Amino acid sequence: MEGYKVHHKNSTFSGKRIELDGKYFNHCRFKDCIIVLEKGDTDIAGSSFENCKLLLKGNAYMIGKIIKLFTGKSPLKVLDFDEPLFEKTNPKSISRKELSARKHE
């Protein structure tokens, strides 16, 4: 716990991108978050993760690749760099007014 600049205790994070490096999390709740780990310089105690995705970068990503070489499978389901972090909106989406007009045609 010592040595970390940022401490979170009994905090809830929802729908956010959370960078773990340099932070300490104690009894925190993460829901629908993108969890980013690069250096591994973090401490997490008594926390829970619900419907979160893990994004490994830098050293953490390399360690994940090495584990995959040894085991033949990924250690965790993590986001691939090619996957979008968030859903893209459809550029051809129509408004409710347009949709209503089409139903009455």
C-alpha atoms as a PDB file:
ATOM      1  CA  MET A   1       0.000   0.000   0.000  1.00  0.00           C
ATOM      2  CA  GLU A   2       2.830   2.380   0.701  1.00  0.00           C
ATOM      3  CA  GLY A   3       4.517   4.068  -2.209  1.00  0.00           C
ATOM      4  CA  TYR A   4       1.378   4.564  -4.269  1.00  0.00           C
ATOM      5  CA  LYS A   5       0.425   8.155  -4.981  1.00  0.00           C
ATOM      6  CA  VAL A   6      -3.289   7.445  -5.327  1.00  0.00           C
ATOM      7  CA  HIS A   7      -5.321   5.398  -2.848  1.00  0.00           C
ATOM      8  CA  HIS A   8      -8.942   4.337  -3.327  1.00  0.00           C
ATOM      9  CA  LYS A   9     -10.895   2.731  -0.489  1.00  0.00           C
ATOM     10  CA  ASN A  10     -14.505   1.526  -0.670  1.00  0.00           C
ATOM     11  CA  SER A  11     -14.927   3.283  -4.028  1.00  0.00           C
ATOM     12  CA  THR A  12     -17.257   2.256  -6.848  1.00  0.00           C
ATOM     13  CA  PHE A  13     -16.297   2.758 -10.481  1.00  0.00           C
ATOM     14  CA  SER A  14     -18.910   2.261 -13.189  1.00  0.00           C
ATOM     15  CA  GLY A  15     -18.569   2.587 -16.970  1.00  0.00           C
ATOM     16  CA  LYS A  16     -15.120   4.145 -16.773  1.00  0.00           C
ATOM     17  CA  ARG A  17     -11.638   3.524 -18.103  1.00  0.00           C
ATOM     18  CA  ILE A  18      -9.469   2.842 -15.045  1.00  0.00           C
ATOM     19  CA  GLU A  19      -5.668   2.968 -15.203  1.00  0.00           C
ATOM     20  CA  LEU A  20      -4.318   0.698 -12.439  1.00  0.00           C
ATOM     21  CA  ASP A  21      -0.629   1.629 -12.509  1.00  0.00           C
ATOM     22  CA  GLY A  22       0.579   3.714  -9.574  1.00  0.00           C
ATOM     23  CA  LYS A  23      -2.638   3.218  -7.609  1.00  0.00           C
ATOM     24  CA  TYR A  24      -3.827   1.219  -4.620  1.00  0.00           C
ATOM     25  CA  PHE A  25      -7.410  -0.104  -4.513  1.00  0.00           C
ATOM     26  CA  ASN A  26      -8.873  -1.453  -1.255  1.00  0.00           C
ATOM     27  CA  HIS A  27     -12.379  -2.958  -1.222  1.00  0.00           C
ATOM     28  CA  CYS A  28     -13.398  -1.226  -4.431  1.00  0.00           C
ATOM     29  CA  ARG A  29     -16.095  -2.266  -6.882  1.00  0.00           C
ATOM     30  CA  PHE A  30     -15.602  -2.071 -10.648  1.00  0.00           C
ATOM     31  CA  LYS A  31     -18.610  -2.471 -12.944  1.00  0.00           C
ATOM     32  CA  ASP A  32     -18.650  -2.243 -16.771  1.00  0.00           C
ATOM     33  CA  CYS A  33     -15.148  -0.740 -16.816  1.00  0.00           C
ATOM     34  CA  ILE A  34     -12.135  -0.950 -19.077  1.00  0.00           C
ATOM     35  CA  ILE A  35      -9.279  -1.890 -16.741  1.00  0.00           C
ATOM     36  CA  VAL A  36      -5.877  -0.819 -18.114  1.00  0.00           C
ATOM     37  CA  LEU A  37      -2.614  -2.310 -16.849  1.00  0.00           C
ATOM     38  CA  GLU A  38       0.772  -1.432 -18.312  1.00  0.00           C
ATOM     39  CA  LYS A  39       3.605  -1.750 -15.780  1.00  0.00           C
ATOM     40  CA  GLY A  40       1.945  -3.841 -13.096  1.00  0.00           C
ATOM     41  CA  ASP A  41       2.778  -1.246 -10.441  1.00  0.00           C
ATOM     42  CA  THR A  42      -0.498  -1.565  -8.526  1.00  0.00           C
ATOM     43  CA  ASP A  43      -2.053  -3.232  -5.519  1.00  0.00           C
ATOM     44  CA  ILE A  44      -5.641  -4.451  -5.353  1.00  0.00           C
ATOM     45  CA  ALA A  45      -7.119  -5.914  -2.161  1.00  0.00           C
ATOM     46  CA  GLY A  46     -10.645  -7.153  -1.510  1.00  0.00           C
ATOM     47  CA  SER A  47     -12.054  -5.622  -4.702  1.00  0.00           C
ATOM     48  CA  SER A  48     -14.600  -6.991  -7.165  1.00  0.00           C
ATOM     49  CA  PHE A  49     -14.931  -6.770 -10.948  1.00  0.00           C
ATOM     50  CA  GLU A  50     -18.280  -7.136 -12.721  1.00  0.00           C
ATOM     51  CA  ASN A  51     -18.505  -7.231 -16.515  1.00  0.00           C
ATOM     52  CA  CYS A  52     -15.144  -5.473 -16.936  1.00  0.00           C
ATOM     53  CA  LYS A  53     -12.587  -5.873 -19.701  1.00  0.00           C
ATOM     54  CA  LEU A  54      -8.856  -5.932 -19.160  1.00  0.00           C
ATOM     55  CA  LEU A  55      -6.530  -4.093 -21.526  1.00  0.00           C
ATOM     56  CA  LEU A  56      -2.872  -5.064 -21.177  1.00  0.00           C
ATOM     57  CA  LYS A  57      -0.261  -2.676 -22.538  1.00  0.00           C
ATOM     58  CA  GLY A  58       3.527  -2.445 -22.465  1.00  0.00           C
ATOM     59  CA  ASN A  59       5.207  -4.797 -19.965  1.00  0.00           C
ATOM     60  CA  ALA A  60       1.915  -6.343 -18.859  1.00  0.00           C
ATOM     61  CA  TYR A  61       1.069  -7.179 -22.479  1.00  0.00           C
ATOM     62  CA  MET A  62       4.492  -8.811 -22.981  1.00  0.00           C
ATOM     63  CA  ILE A  63       4.058 -10.915 -19.830  1.00  0.00           C
ATOM     64  CA  GLY A  64       0.651 -12.013 -21.105  1.00  0.00           C
ATOM     65  CA  LYS A  65       2.238 -13.072 -24.406  1.00  0.00           C
ATOM     66  CA  ILE A  66       4.949 -15.054 -22.580  1.00  0.00           C
ATOM     67  CA  ILE A  67       2.338 -16.853 -20.449  1.00  0.00           C
ATOM     68  CA  LYS A  68       0.488 -17.712 -23.666  1.00  0.00           C
ATOM     69  CA  LEU A  69       3.700 -19.206 -25.136  1.00  0.00           C
ATOM     70  CA  PHE A  70       4.158 -21.430 -22.084  1.00  0.00           C
ATOM     71  CA  THR A  71       0.552 -22.529 -21.654  1.00  0.00           C
ATOM     72  CA  GLY A  72      -0.724 -22.397 -25.220  1.00  0.00           C
ATOM     73  CA  LYS A  73      -3.621 -20.172 -24.196  1.00  0.00           C
ATOM     74  CA  SER A  74      -4.207 -16.668 -22.939  1.00  0.00           C
ATOM     75  CA  PRO A  75      -4.076 -16.286 -19.153  1.00  0.00           C
ATOM     76  CA  LEU A  76      -7.173 -14.084 -19.238  1.00  0.00           C
ATOM     77  CA  LYS A  77      -9.731 -12.876 -21.724  1.00  0.00           C
ATOM     78  CA  VAL A  78      -8.241  -9.518 -22.566  1.00  0.00           C
ATOM     79  CA  LEU A  79      -9.011  -6.933 -25.184  1.00  0.00           C
ATOM     80  CA  ASP A  80      -7.012  -7.205 -28.366  1.00  0.00           C
ATOM     81  CA  PHE A  81      -5.536  -3.970 -29.659  1.00  0.00           C
ATOM     82  CA  ASP A  82      -7.692  -4.392 -32.784  1.00  0.00           C
ATOM     83  CA  GLU A  83     -10.932  -4.559 -30.788  1.00  0.00           C
ATOM     84  CA  PRO A  84     -12.800  -1.299 -30.291  1.00  0.00           C
ATOM     85  CA  LEU A  85     -12.929  -0.232 -26.655  1.00  0.00           C
ATOM     86  CA  PHE A  86     -16.456   1.086 -26.995  1.00  0.00           C
ATOM     87  CA  GLU A  87     -19.336   0.428 -29.351  1.00  0.00           C
ATOM     88  CA  LYS A  88     -19.243   2.583 -32.432  1.00  0.00           C
ATOM     89  CA  THR A  89     -22.443   4.374 -33.285  1.00  0.00           C
ATOM     90  CA  ASN A  90     -23.956   3.680 -36.665  1.00  0.00           C
ATOM     91  CA  PRO A  91     -23.266   6.710 -38.864  1.00  0.00           C
ATOM     92  CA  LYS A  92     -26.463   5.987 -40.811  1.00  0.00           C
ATOM     93  CA  SER A  93     -28.688   5.908 -37.752  1.00  0.00           C
ATOM     94  CA  ILE A  94     -32.020   7.598 -38.115  1.00  0.00           C
ATOM     95  CA  SER A  95     -33.913   9.773 -35.684  1.00  0.00           C
ATOM     96  CA  ARG A  96     -37.143   8.706 -33.976  1.00  0.00           C
ATOM     97  CA  LYS A  97     -39.007  11.236 -36.105  1.00  0.00           C
ATOM     98  CA  GLU A  98     -37.670   9.645 -39.311  1.00  0.00           C
ATOM     99  CA  LEU A  99     -38.477   6.161 -38.003  1.00  0.00           C
ATOM    100  CA  SER A 100     -42.027   7.197 -37.143  1.00  0.00           C
ATOM    101  CA  ALA A 101     -42.478   8.744 -40.599  1.00  0.00           C
ATOM    102  CA  ARG A 102     -41.311   5.515 -42.277  1.00  0.00           C
ATOM    103  CA  LYS A 103     -43.811   3.429 -40.260  1.00  0.00           C
ATOM    104  CA  HIS A 104     -46.675   5.564 -41.514  1.00  0.00           C
ATOM    105  CA  GLU A 105     -45.679   5.353 -45.202  1.00  0.00           C
END
